[in-house]
Every structure is written in structure tokens, then in C-alpha cells.
């Protein structure tokens, strides 16, 4: 049961952490390196001599649309996580 709770915790918290990291990365590129990032198309973004425009574009799309894509997954896993905790506490109290 502990493994199930850990898996559900990762499925609940993991996408949120990835989304926040993408937001931080896009903001760093936008403000720190003066890259233009939007959802229309990939713009050139040169950081330390390398063009990471496609990566910045992909992360920008995920930062913008991440909650719509992974929100239901995180919400469902969070509900299952809560149910798993409630069931394990109920079974522990019956012993």
C-alpha cells in the first residue's frame, strides 16, 4: 500500500513541479537572455552560443497549456491518493 501511495503522490505533485520549472525556465530565457517566446512559432534564442529556440518554444507551450493538459491527471491522482490514505488508515484502525 505504501508503494501505491508513493506512486499516486508522484503522479499528483510531479506534473505541477514540472510545470513550475518550465515557467521558471521560460521566464529566465525571456527576461535574462532577452529571448522572445510565444505560442505561435519558435524564434531564435541563443544562449551560450547555442540556439535553443525549439526547446524554449516547447517549454513555453507547456508552461502556457500545462494546467489544461496535466490538471485532470494531477486532480485524479490526488483524489485517488486521498482515497488510498483513507483506506489504509481505516484498515489500520480495524487491526
PDB file of N, CA and C in Angstrom:
ATOM      1  N   UNK A   1       0.824  -1.195   0.000  1.00  0.00           N
ATOM      2  CA  UNK A   1       0.000   0.000   0.000  1.00  0.00           C
ATOM      3  C   UNK A   1       0.867   1.258   0.000  1.00  0.00           C
ATOM      4  N   UNK A   2       2.042   1.169   0.639  1.00  0.00           N
ATOM      5  CA  UNK A   2       2.944   2.319   0.675  1.00  0.00           C
ATOM      6  C   UNK A   2       3.427   2.681  -0.729  1.00  0.00           C
ATOM      7  N   UNK A   3       3.712   1.676  -1.546  1.00  0.00           N
ATOM      8  CA  UNK A   3       4.156   1.926  -2.914  1.00  0.00           C
ATOM      9  C   UNK A   3       3.071   2.615  -3.730  1.00  0.00           C
ATOM     10  N   UNK A   4       1.840   2.184  -3.557  1.00  0.00           N
ATOM     11  CA  UNK A   4       0.718   2.800  -4.279  1.00  0.00           C
ATOM     12  C   UNK A   4       0.593   4.264  -3.895  1.00  0.00           C
ATOM     13  N   UNK A   5       0.708   4.565  -2.595  1.00  0.00           N
ATOM     14  CA  UNK A   5       0.600   5.952  -2.149  1.00  0.00           C
ATOM     15  C   UNK A   5       1.737   6.797  -2.697  1.00  0.00           C
ATOM     16  N   UNK A   6       2.926   6.230  -2.777  1.00  0.00           N
ATOM     17  CA  UNK A   6       4.061   6.984  -3.328  1.00  0.00           C
ATOM     18  C   UNK A   6       3.875   7.256  -4.824  1.00  0.00           C
ATOM     19  N   UNK A   7       3.413   6.260  -5.542  1.00  0.00           N
ATOM     20  CA  UNK A   7       3.171   6.449  -6.977  1.00  0.00           C
ATOM     21  C   UNK A   7       2.113   7.524  -7.199  1.00  0.00           C
ATOM     22  N   UNK A   8       1.030   7.483  -6.437  1.00  0.00           N
ATOM     23  CA  UNK A   8      -0.012   8.483  -6.575  1.00  0.00           C
ATOM     24  C   UNK A   8       0.480   9.866  -6.161  1.00  0.00           C
ATOM     25  N   UNK A   9       1.356   9.934  -5.176  1.00  0.00           N
ATOM     26  CA  UNK A   9       1.928  11.221  -4.779  1.00  0.00           C
ATOM     27  C   UNK A   9       2.775  11.802  -5.904  1.00  0.00           C
ATOM     28  N   UNK A  10       3.572  10.963  -6.544  1.00  0.00           N
ATOM     29  CA  UNK A  10       4.398  11.432  -7.663  1.00  0.00           C
ATOM     30  C   UNK A  10       3.517  11.867  -8.833  1.00  0.00           C
ATOM     31  N   UNK A  11       2.453  11.118  -9.121  1.00  0.00           N
ATOM     32  CA  UNK A  11       1.543  11.490 -10.207  1.00  0.00           C
ATOM     33  C   UNK A  11       0.770  12.763  -9.890  1.00  0.00           C
ATOM     34  N   UNK A  12       0.599  13.082  -8.629  1.00  0.00           N
ATOM     35  CA  UNK A  12      -0.095  14.304  -8.249  1.00  0.00           C
ATOM     36  C   UNK A  12       0.838  15.504  -8.265  1.00  0.00           C
ATOM     37  N   UNK A  13       1.997  15.366  -7.657  1.00  0.00           N
ATOM     38  CA  UNK A  13       2.897  16.500  -7.467  1.00  0.00           C
ATOM     39  C   UNK A  13       3.868  16.675  -8.635  1.00  0.00           C
ATOM     40  N   UNK A  14       4.250  15.595  -9.289  1.00  0.00           N
ATOM     41  CA  UNK A  14       5.235  15.650 -10.375  1.00  0.00           C
ATOM     42  C   UNK A  14       4.885  16.592 -11.512  1.00  0.00           C
ATOM     43  N   UNK A  15       3.686  16.491 -12.106  1.00  0.00           N
ATOM     44  CA  UNK A  15       3.351  17.411 -13.195  1.00  0.00           C
ATOM     45  C   UNK A  15       3.319  18.874 -12.761  1.00  0.00           C
ATOM     46  N   UNK A  16       2.932  19.126 -11.528  1.00  0.00           N
ATOM     47  CA  UNK A  16       2.896  20.506 -11.040  1.00  0.00           C
ATOM     48  C   UNK A  16       4.312  21.057 -10.927  1.00  0.00           C
ATOM     49  N   UNK A  17       5.231  20.244 -10.420  1.00  0.00           N
ATOM     50  CA  UNK A  17       6.626  20.670 -10.300  1.00  0.00           C
ATOM     51  C   UNK A  17       7.231  20.908 -11.685  1.00  0.00           C
ATOM     52  N   UNK A  18       6.979  20.004 -12.633  1.00  0.00           N
ATOM     53  CA  UNK A  18       7.491  20.191 -13.995  1.00  0.00           C
ATOM     54  C   UNK A  18       6.940  21.452 -14.632  1.00  0.00           C
ATOM     55  N   UNK A  19       5.664  21.724 -14.418  1.00  0.00           N
ATOM     56  CA  UNK A  19       5.041  22.926 -14.962  1.00  0.00           C
ATOM     57  C   UNK A  19       5.688  24.183 -14.375  1.00  0.00           C
ATOM     58  N   UNK A  20       5.908  24.197 -13.069  1.00  0.00           N
ATOM     59  CA  UNK A  20       6.542  25.356 -12.434  1.00  0.00           C
ATOM     60  C   UNK A  20       7.984  25.539 -12.903  1.00  0.00           C
ATOM     61  N   UNK A  21       8.709  24.441 -13.121  1.00  0.00           N
ATOM     62  CA  UNK A  21      10.067  24.547 -13.650  1.00  0.00           C
ATOM     63  C   UNK A  21      10.077  25.098 -15.073  1.00  0.00           C
ATOM     64  N   UNK A  22       9.102  24.700 -15.886  1.00  0.00           N
ATOM     65  CA  UNK A  22       9.003  25.239 -17.244  1.00  0.00           C
ATOM     66  C   UNK A  22       8.713  26.736 -17.215  1.00  0.00           C
ATOM     67  N   UNK A  23       7.827  27.158 -16.315  1.00  0.00           N
ATOM     68  CA  UNK A  23       7.538  28.589 -16.188  1.00  0.00           C
ATOM     69  C   UNK A  23       8.805  29.346 -15.794  1.00  0.00           C
ATOM     70  N   UNK A  24       9.545  28.819 -14.832  1.00  0.00           N
ATOM     71  CA  UNK A  24      10.776  29.478 -14.383  1.00  0.00           C
ATOM     72  C   UNK A  24      11.800  29.549 -15.514  1.00  0.00           C
ATOM     73  N   UNK A  25      11.941  28.462 -16.284  1.00  0.00           N
ATOM     74  CA  UNK A  25      12.894  28.435 -17.389  1.00  0.00           C
ATOM     75  C   UNK A  25      12.511  29.432 -18.474  1.00  0.00           C
ATOM     76  N   UNK A  26      11.228  29.484 -18.819  1.00  0.00           N
ATOM     77  CA  UNK A  26      10.769  30.415 -19.853  1.00  0.00           C
ATOM     78  C   UNK A  26      10.953  31.857 -19.392  1.00  0.00           C
ATOM     79  N   UNK A  27      10.674  32.134 -18.126  1.00  0.00           N
ATOM     80  CA  UNK A  27      10.866  33.490 -17.618  1.00  0.00           C
ATOM     81  C   UNK A  27      12.346  33.858 -17.576  1.00  0.00           C
ATOM     82  N   UNK A  28      13.205  32.908 -17.222  1.00  0.00           N
ATOM     83  CA  UNK A  28      14.643  33.166 -17.235  1.00  0.00           C
ATOM     84  C   UNK A  28      15.127  33.491 -18.641  1.00  0.00           C
ATOM     85  N   UNK A  29      14.680  32.710 -19.619  1.00  0.00           N
ATOM     86  CA  UNK A  29      15.079  32.979 -21.001  1.00  0.00           C
ATOM     87  C   UNK A  29      14.523  34.306 -21.491  1.00  0.00           C
ATOM     88  N   UNK A  30      13.285  34.597 -21.134  1.00  0.00           N
ATOM     89  CA  UNK A  30      12.653  35.829 -21.595  1.00  0.00           C
ATOM     90  C   UNK A  30      13.275  37.076 -21.000  1.00  0.00           C
ATOM     91  N   UNK A  31      13.477  37.073 -19.702  1.00  0.00           N
ATOM     92  CA  UNK A  31      13.994  38.262 -19.034  1.00  0.00           C
ATOM     93  C   UNK A  31      15.510  38.277 -18.955  1.00  0.00           C
ATOM     94  N   UNK A  32      16.128  37.141 -18.709  1.00  0.00           N
ATOM     95  CA  UNK A  32      17.571  37.092 -18.536  1.00  0.00           C
ATOM     96  C   UNK A  32      18.365  37.113 -19.832  1.00  0.00           C
ATOM     97  N   UNK A  33      17.850  36.434 -20.858  1.00  0.00           N
ATOM     98  CA  UNK A  33      18.580  36.331 -22.121  1.00  0.00           C
ATOM     99  C   UNK A  33      17.872  37.053 -23.261  1.00  0.00           C
ATOM    100  N   UNK A  34      16.802  37.759 -22.954  1.00  0.00           N
ATOM    101  CA  UNK A  34      16.054  38.575 -23.916  1.00  0.00           C
ATOM    102  C   UNK A  34      15.574  37.759 -25.126  1.00  0.00           C
ATOM    103  N   UNK A  35      15.087  36.551 -24.860  1.00  0.00           N
ATOM    104  CA  UNK A  35      14.530  35.714 -25.919  1.00  0.00           C
ATOM    105  C   UNK A  35      13.032  35.977 -26.032  1.00  0.00           C
ATOM    106  N   UNK A  36      12.532  35.950 -27.246  1.00  0.00           N
ATOM    107  CA  UNK A  36      11.091  36.119 -27.475  1.00  0.00           C
ATOM    108  C   UNK A  36      10.466  34.724 -27.577  1.00  0.00           C
ATOM    109  N   UNK A  37       9.560  34.434 -26.645  1.00  0.00           N
ATOM    110  CA  UNK A  37       8.929  33.119 -26.597  1.00  0.00           C
ATOM    111  C   UNK A  37       7.426  33.324 -26.609  1.00  0.00           C
ATOM    112  N   UNK A  38       6.761  32.691 -27.571  1.00  0.00           N
ATOM    113  CA  UNK A  38       5.301  32.732 -27.647  1.00  0.00           C
ATOM    114  C   UNK A  38       4.812  31.436 -28.265  1.00  0.00           C
ATOM    115  N   UNK A  39       3.496  31.299 -28.361  1.00  0.00           N
ATOM    116  CA  UNK A  39       2.911  30.035 -28.811  1.00  0.00           C
ATOM    117  C   UNK A  39       2.813  29.917 -30.333  1.00  0.00           C
ATOM    118  N   UNK A  40       3.098  30.956 -31.050  1.00  0.00           N
ATOM    119  CA  UNK A  40       2.922  30.938 -32.499  1.00  0.00           C
ATOM    120  C   UNK A  40       3.934  30.077 -33.221  1.00  0.00           C
ATOM    121  N   UNK A  41       5.196  30.331 -32.991  1.00  0.00           N
ATOM    122  CA  UNK A  41       6.272  29.592 -33.652  1.00  0.00           C
ATOM    123  C   UNK A  41       7.548  29.799 -32.856  1.00  0.00           C
ATOM    124  N   UNK A  42       8.559  29.003 -33.179  1.00  0.00           N
ATOM    125  CA  UNK A  42       9.837  29.094 -32.471  1.00  0.00           C
ATOM    126  C   UNK A  42      10.667  30.236 -33.032  1.00  0.00           C
ATOM    127  N   UNK A  43      11.173  31.067 -32.150  1.00  0.00           N
ATOM    128  CA  UNK A  43      12.080  32.149 -32.517  1.00  0.00           C
ATOM    129  C   UNK A  43      13.498  31.751 -32.142  1.00  0.00           C
ATOM    130  N   UNK A  44      14.482  32.332 -32.820  1.00  0.00           N
ATOM    131  CA  UNK A  44      15.859  32.049 -32.417  1.00  0.00           C
ATOM    132  C   UNK A  44      16.117  32.547 -30.992  1.00  0.00           C
ATOM    133  N   UNK A  45      16.773  31.727 -30.214  1.00  0.00           N
ATOM    134  CA  UNK A  45      17.117  32.077 -28.837  1.00  0.00           C
ATOM    135  C   UNK A  45      18.513  31.521 -28.571  1.00  0.00           C
ATOM    136  N   UNK A  46      19.505  32.386 -28.621  1.00  0.00           N
ATOM    137  CA  UNK A  46      20.894  31.965 -28.488  1.00  0.00           C
ATOM    138  C   UNK A  46      21.338  32.150 -27.040  1.00  0.00           C
ATOM    139  N   UNK A  47      21.719  31.037 -26.433  1.00  0.00           N
ATOM    140  CA  UNK A  47      22.219  31.037 -25.064  1.00  0.00           C
ATOM    141  C   UNK A  47      23.554  30.312 -25.066  1.00  0.00           C
ATOM    142  N   UNK A  48      24.598  31.004 -24.622  1.00  0.00           N
ATOM    143  CA  UNK A  48      25.951  30.459 -24.580  1.00  0.00           C
ATOM    144  C   UNK A  48      26.386  29.899 -25.932  1.00  0.00           C
ATOM    145  N   UNK A  49      26.032  30.588 -26.988  1.00  0.00           N
ATOM    146  CA  UNK A  49      26.445  30.203 -28.327  1.00  0.00           C
ATOM    147  C   UNK A  49      25.617  29.119 -28.994  1.00  0.00           C
ATOM    148  N   UNK A  50      24.562  28.659 -28.345  1.00  0.00           N
ATOM    149  CA  UNK A  50      23.707  27.603 -28.917  1.00  0.00           C
ATOM    150  C   UNK A  50      22.299  28.126 -29.079  1.00  0.00           C
ATOM    151  N   UNK A  51      21.666  27.738 -30.176  1.00  0.00           N
ATOM    152  CA  UNK A  51      20.282  28.131 -30.418  1.00  0.00           C
ATOM    153  C   UNK A  51      19.360  27.099 -29.769  1.00  0.00           C
ATOM    154  N   UNK A  52      18.614  27.546 -28.764  1.00  0.00           N
ATOM    155  CA  UNK A  52      17.677  26.654 -28.074  1.00  0.00           C
ATOM    156  C   UNK A  52      16.242  27.125 -28.304  1.00  0.00           C
ATOM    157  N   UNK A  53      15.988  27.694 -29.471  1.00  0.00           N
ATOM    158  CA  UNK A  53      14.673  28.230 -29.774  1.00  0.00           C
ATOM    159  C   UNK A  53      13.564  27.194 -29.757  1.00  0.00           C
ATOM    160  N   UNK A  54      13.824  26.011 -30.307  1.00  0.00           N
ATOM    161  CA  UNK A  54      12.803  24.953 -30.324  1.00  0.00           C
ATOM    162  C   UNK A  54      12.491  24.464 -28.906  1.00  0.00           C
ATOM    163  N   UNK A  55      13.521  24.304 -28.098  1.00  0.00           N
ATOM    164  CA  UNK A  55      13.311  23.883 -26.710  1.00  0.00           C
ATOM    165  C   UNK A  55      12.543  24.949 -25.941  1.00  0.00           C
ATOM    166  N   UNK A  56      12.912  26.206 -26.142  1.00  0.00           N
ATOM    167  CA  UNK A  56      12.215  27.308 -25.472  1.00  0.00           C
ATOM    168  C   UNK A  56      10.756  27.371 -25.917  1.00  0.00           C
ATOM    169  N   UNK A  57      10.507  27.138 -27.203  1.00  0.00           N
ATOM    170  CA  UNK A  57       9.133  27.133 -27.708  1.00  0.00           C
ATOM    171  C   UNK A  57       8.321  26.003 -27.060  1.00  0.00           C
ATOM    172  N   UNK A  58       8.904  24.802 -27.008  1.00  0.00           N
ATOM    173  CA  UNK A  58       8.194  23.664 -26.414  1.00  0.00           C
ATOM    174  C   UNK A  58       7.903  23.903 -24.938  1.00  0.00           C
ATOM    175  N   UNK A  59       8.863  24.432 -24.223  1.00  0.00           N
ATOM    176  CA  UNK A  59       8.651  24.707 -22.801  1.00  0.00           C
ATOM    177  C   UNK A  59       7.644  25.843 -22.604  1.00  0.00           C
ATOM    178  N   UNK A  60       7.643  26.808 -23.508  1.00  0.00           N
ATOM    179  CA  UNK A  60       6.663  27.884 -23.423  1.00  0.00           C
ATOM    180  C   UNK A  60       5.252  27.385 -23.645  1.00  0.00           C
ATOM    181  N   UNK A  61       5.075  26.486 -24.587  1.00  0.00           N
ATOM    182  CA  UNK A  61       3.752  25.898 -24.817  1.00  0.00           C
ATOM    183  C   UNK A  61       3.321  25.089 -23.607  1.00  0.00           C
ATOM    184  N   UNK A  62       4.247  24.321 -23.042  1.00  0.00           N
ATOM    185  CA  UNK A  62       3.903  23.542 -21.849  1.00  0.00           C
ATOM    186  C   UNK A  62       3.606  24.454 -20.660  1.00  0.00           C
ATOM    187  N   UNK A  63       4.350  25.557 -20.532  1.00  0.00           N
ATOM    188  CA  UNK A  63       4.102  26.494 -19.437  1.00  0.00           C
ATOM    189  C   UNK A  63       2.725  27.129 -19.579  1.00  0.00           C
ATOM    190  N   UNK A  64       2.314  27.394 -20.806  1.00  0.00           N
ATOM    191  CA  UNK A  64       1.015  28.034 -21.028  1.00  0.00           C
ATOM    192  C   UNK A  64      -0.142  27.040 -20.926  1.00  0.00           C
ATOM    193  N   UNK A  65       0.017  25.874 -21.507  1.00  0.00           N
ATOM    194  CA  UNK A  65      -1.082  24.910 -21.599  1.00  0.00           C
ATOM    195  C   UNK A  65      -0.954  23.737 -20.640  1.00  0.00           C
ATOM    196  N   UNK A  66       0.069  23.708 -19.818  1.00  0.00           N
ATOM    197  CA  UNK A  66       0.292  22.601 -18.893  1.00  0.00           C
ATOM    198  C   UNK A  66      -0.869  22.298 -17.969  1.00  0.00           C
ATOM    199  N   UNK A  67      -1.465  23.323 -17.335  1.00  0.00           N
ATOM    200  CA  UNK A  67      -2.583  23.017 -16.433  1.00  0.00           C
ATOM    201  C   UNK A  67      -3.778  22.371 -17.137  1.00  0.00           C
ATOM    202  N   UNK A  68      -4.001  22.722 -18.393  1.00  0.00           N
ATOM    203  CA  UNK A  68      -5.115  22.109 -19.124  1.00  0.00           C
ATOM    204  C   UNK A  68      -4.822  20.663 -19.506  1.00  0.00           C
ATOM    205  N   UNK A  69      -3.562  20.363 -19.717  1.00  0.00           N
ATOM    206  CA  UNK A  69      -3.179  19.018 -20.113  1.00  0.00           C
ATOM    207  C   UNK A  69      -3.034  18.110 -18.893  1.00  0.00           C
ATOM    208  N   UNK A  70      -2.266  18.579 -17.895  1.00  0.00           N
ATOM    209  CA  UNK A  70      -1.950  17.736 -16.746  1.00  0.00           C
ATOM    210  C   UNK A  70      -2.813  18.012 -15.527  1.00  0.00           C
ATOM    211  N   UNK A  71      -3.639  19.034 -15.573  1.00  0.00           N
ATOM    212  CA  UNK A  71      -4.524  19.325 -14.454  1.00  0.00           C
ATOM    213  C   UNK A  71      -5.453  18.174 -14.116  1.00  0.00           C
ATOM    214  N   UNK A  72      -6.169  17.627 -15.098  1.00  0.00           N
ATOM    215  CA  UNK A  72      -7.036  16.486 -14.788  1.00  0.00           C
ATOM    216  C   UNK A  72      -6.268  15.264 -14.279  1.00  0.00           C
ATOM    217  N   UNK A  73      -5.060  15.044 -14.783  1.00  0.00           N
ATOM    218  CA  UNK A  73      -4.252  13.912 -14.316  1.00  0.00           C
ATOM    219  C   UNK A  73      -3.866  14.117 -12.857  1.00  0.00           C
ATOM    220  N   UNK A  74      -3.387  15.324 -12.524  1.00  0.00           N
ATOM    221  CA  UNK A  74      -2.997  15.611 -11.148  1.00  0.00           C
ATOM    222  C   UNK A  74      -4.193  15.569 -10.213  1.00  0.00           C
ATOM    223  N   UNK A  75      -5.305  16.093 -10.663  1.00  0.00           N
ATOM    224  CA  UNK A  75      -6.504  16.093  -9.829  1.00  0.00           C
ATOM    225  C   UNK A  75      -6.996  14.668  -9.576  1.00  0.00           C
ATOM    226  N   UNK A  76      -7.057  13.860 -10.619  1.00  0.00           N
ATOM    227  CA  UNK A  76      -7.497  12.469 -10.466  1.00  0.00           C
ATOM    228  C   UNK A  76      -6.559  11.665  -9.586  1.00  0.00           C
ATOM    229  N   UNK A  77      -5.247  11.837  -9.799  1.00  0.00           N
ATOM    230  CA  UNK A  77      -4.278  11.117  -8.968  1.00  0.00           C
ATOM    231  C   UNK A  77      -4.352  11.601  -7.525  1.00  0.00           C
ATOM    232  N   UNK A  78      -4.601  12.897  -7.334  1.00  0.00           N
ATOM    233  CA  UNK A  78      -4.737  13.419  -5.973  1.00  0.00           C
ATOM    234  C   UNK A  78      -5.951  12.853  -5.260  1.00  0.00           C
ATOM    235  N   UNK A  79      -7.047  12.720  -5.990  1.00  0.00           N
ATOM    236  CA  UNK A  79      -8.238  12.111  -5.390  1.00  0.00           C
ATOM    237  C   UNK A  79      -7.989  10.645  -5.029  1.00  0.00           C
ATOM    238  N   UNK A  80      -7.340   9.921  -5.942  1.00  0.00           N
ATOM    239  CA  UNK A  80      -7.016   8.524  -5.645  1.00  0.00           C
ATOM    240  C   UNK A  80      -6.029   8.412  -4.485  1.00  0.00           C
ATOM    241  N   UNK A  81      -5.104   9.354  -4.393  1.00  0.00           N
ATOM    242  CA  UNK A  81      -4.145   9.385  -3.303  1.00  0.00           C
ATOM    243  C   UNK A  81      -4.872   9.576  -1.970  1.00  0.00           C
ATOM    244  N   UNK A  82      -5.821  10.497  -1.942  1.00  0.00           N
ATOM    245  CA  UNK A  82      -6.615  10.714  -0.730  1.00  0.00           C
ATOM    246  C   UNK A  82      -7.432   9.491  -0.352  1.00  0.00           C
ATOM    247  N   UNK A  83      -8.003   8.834  -1.343  1.00  0.00           N
ATOM    248  CA  UNK A  83      -8.778   7.616  -1.073  1.00  0.00           C
ATOM    249  C   UNK A  83      -7.871   6.513  -0.556  1.00  0.00           C
ATOM    250  N   UNK A  84      -6.675   6.379  -1.137  1.00  0.00           N
ATOM    251  CA  UNK A  84      -5.728   5.351  -0.680  1.00  0.00           C
ATOM    252  C   UNK A  84      -5.302   5.601   0.763  1.00  0.00           C
ATOM    253  N   UNK A  85      -5.089   6.855   1.120  1.00  0.00           N
ATOM    254  CA  UNK A  85      -4.719   7.176   2.501  1.00  0.00           C
ATOM    255  C   UNK A  85      -5.880   6.863   3.439  1.00  0.00           C
ATOM    256  N   UNK A  86      -7.093   7.225   3.050  1.00  0.00           N
ATOM    257  CA  UNK A  86      -8.261   6.962   3.887  1.00  0.00           C
ATOM    258  C   UNK A  86      -8.472   5.457   4.084  1.00  0.00           C
ATOM    259  N   UNK A  87      -8.316   4.682   3.017  1.00  0.00           N
ATOM    260  CA  UNK A  87      -8.493   3.230   3.110  1.00  0.00           C
ATOM    261  C   UNK A  87      -7.414   2.622   3.995  1.00  0.00           C
ATOM    262  N   UNK A  88      -6.163   3.060   3.840  1.00  0.00           N
ATOM    263  CA  UNK A  88      -5.092   2.484   4.662  1.00  0.00           C
ATOM    264  C   UNK A  88      -5.268   2.838   6.135  1.00  0.00           C
ATOM    265  N   UNK A  89      -5.729   4.047   6.431  1.00  0.00           N
ATOM    266  CA  UNK A  89      -5.981   4.411   7.828  1.00  0.00           C
ATOM    267  C   UNK A  89      -7.171   3.631   8.394  1.00  0.00           C
ATOM    268  N   UNK A  90      -8.170   3.408   7.573  1.00  0.00           N
ATOM    269  CA  UNK A  90      -9.315   2.626   8.024  1.00  0.00           C
ATOM    270  C   UNK A  90      -8.896   1.199   8.332  1.00  0.00           C
ATOM    271  N   UNK A  91      -8.090   0.609   7.431  1.00  0.00           N
ATOM    272  CA  UNK A  91      -7.640  -0.762   7.662  1.00  0.00           C
ATOM    273  C   UNK A  91      -6.713  -0.842   8.868  1.00  0.00           C
ATOM    274  N   UNK A  92      -5.911   0.183   9.096  1.00  0.00           N
ATOM    275  CA  UNK A  92      -5.015   0.186  10.259  1.00  0.00           C
ATOM    276  C   UNK A  92      -5.799   0.311  11.561  1.00  0.00           C
ATOM    277  N   UNK A  93      -6.895   1.047  11.529  1.00  0.00           N
ATOM    278  CA  UNK A  93      -7.685   1.222  12.751  1.00  0.00           C
ATOM    279  C   UNK A  93      -8.495  -0.037  13.089  1.00  0.00           C
ATOM    280  N   UNK A  94      -8.762  -0.877  12.117  1.00  0.00           N
ATOM    281  CA  UNK A  94      -9.517  -2.107  12.363  1.00  0.00           C
ATOM    282  C   UNK A  94      -8.658  -3.185  12.975  1.00  0.00           C
ATOM    283  N   UNK A  95      -7.347  -3.047  12.901  1.00  0.00           N
ATOM    284  CA  UNK A  95      -6.447  -4.083  13.438  1.00  0.00           C
ATOM    285  C   UNK A  95      -6.352  -3.979  14.890  1.00  0.00           C
TER     286      UNK A  95
END
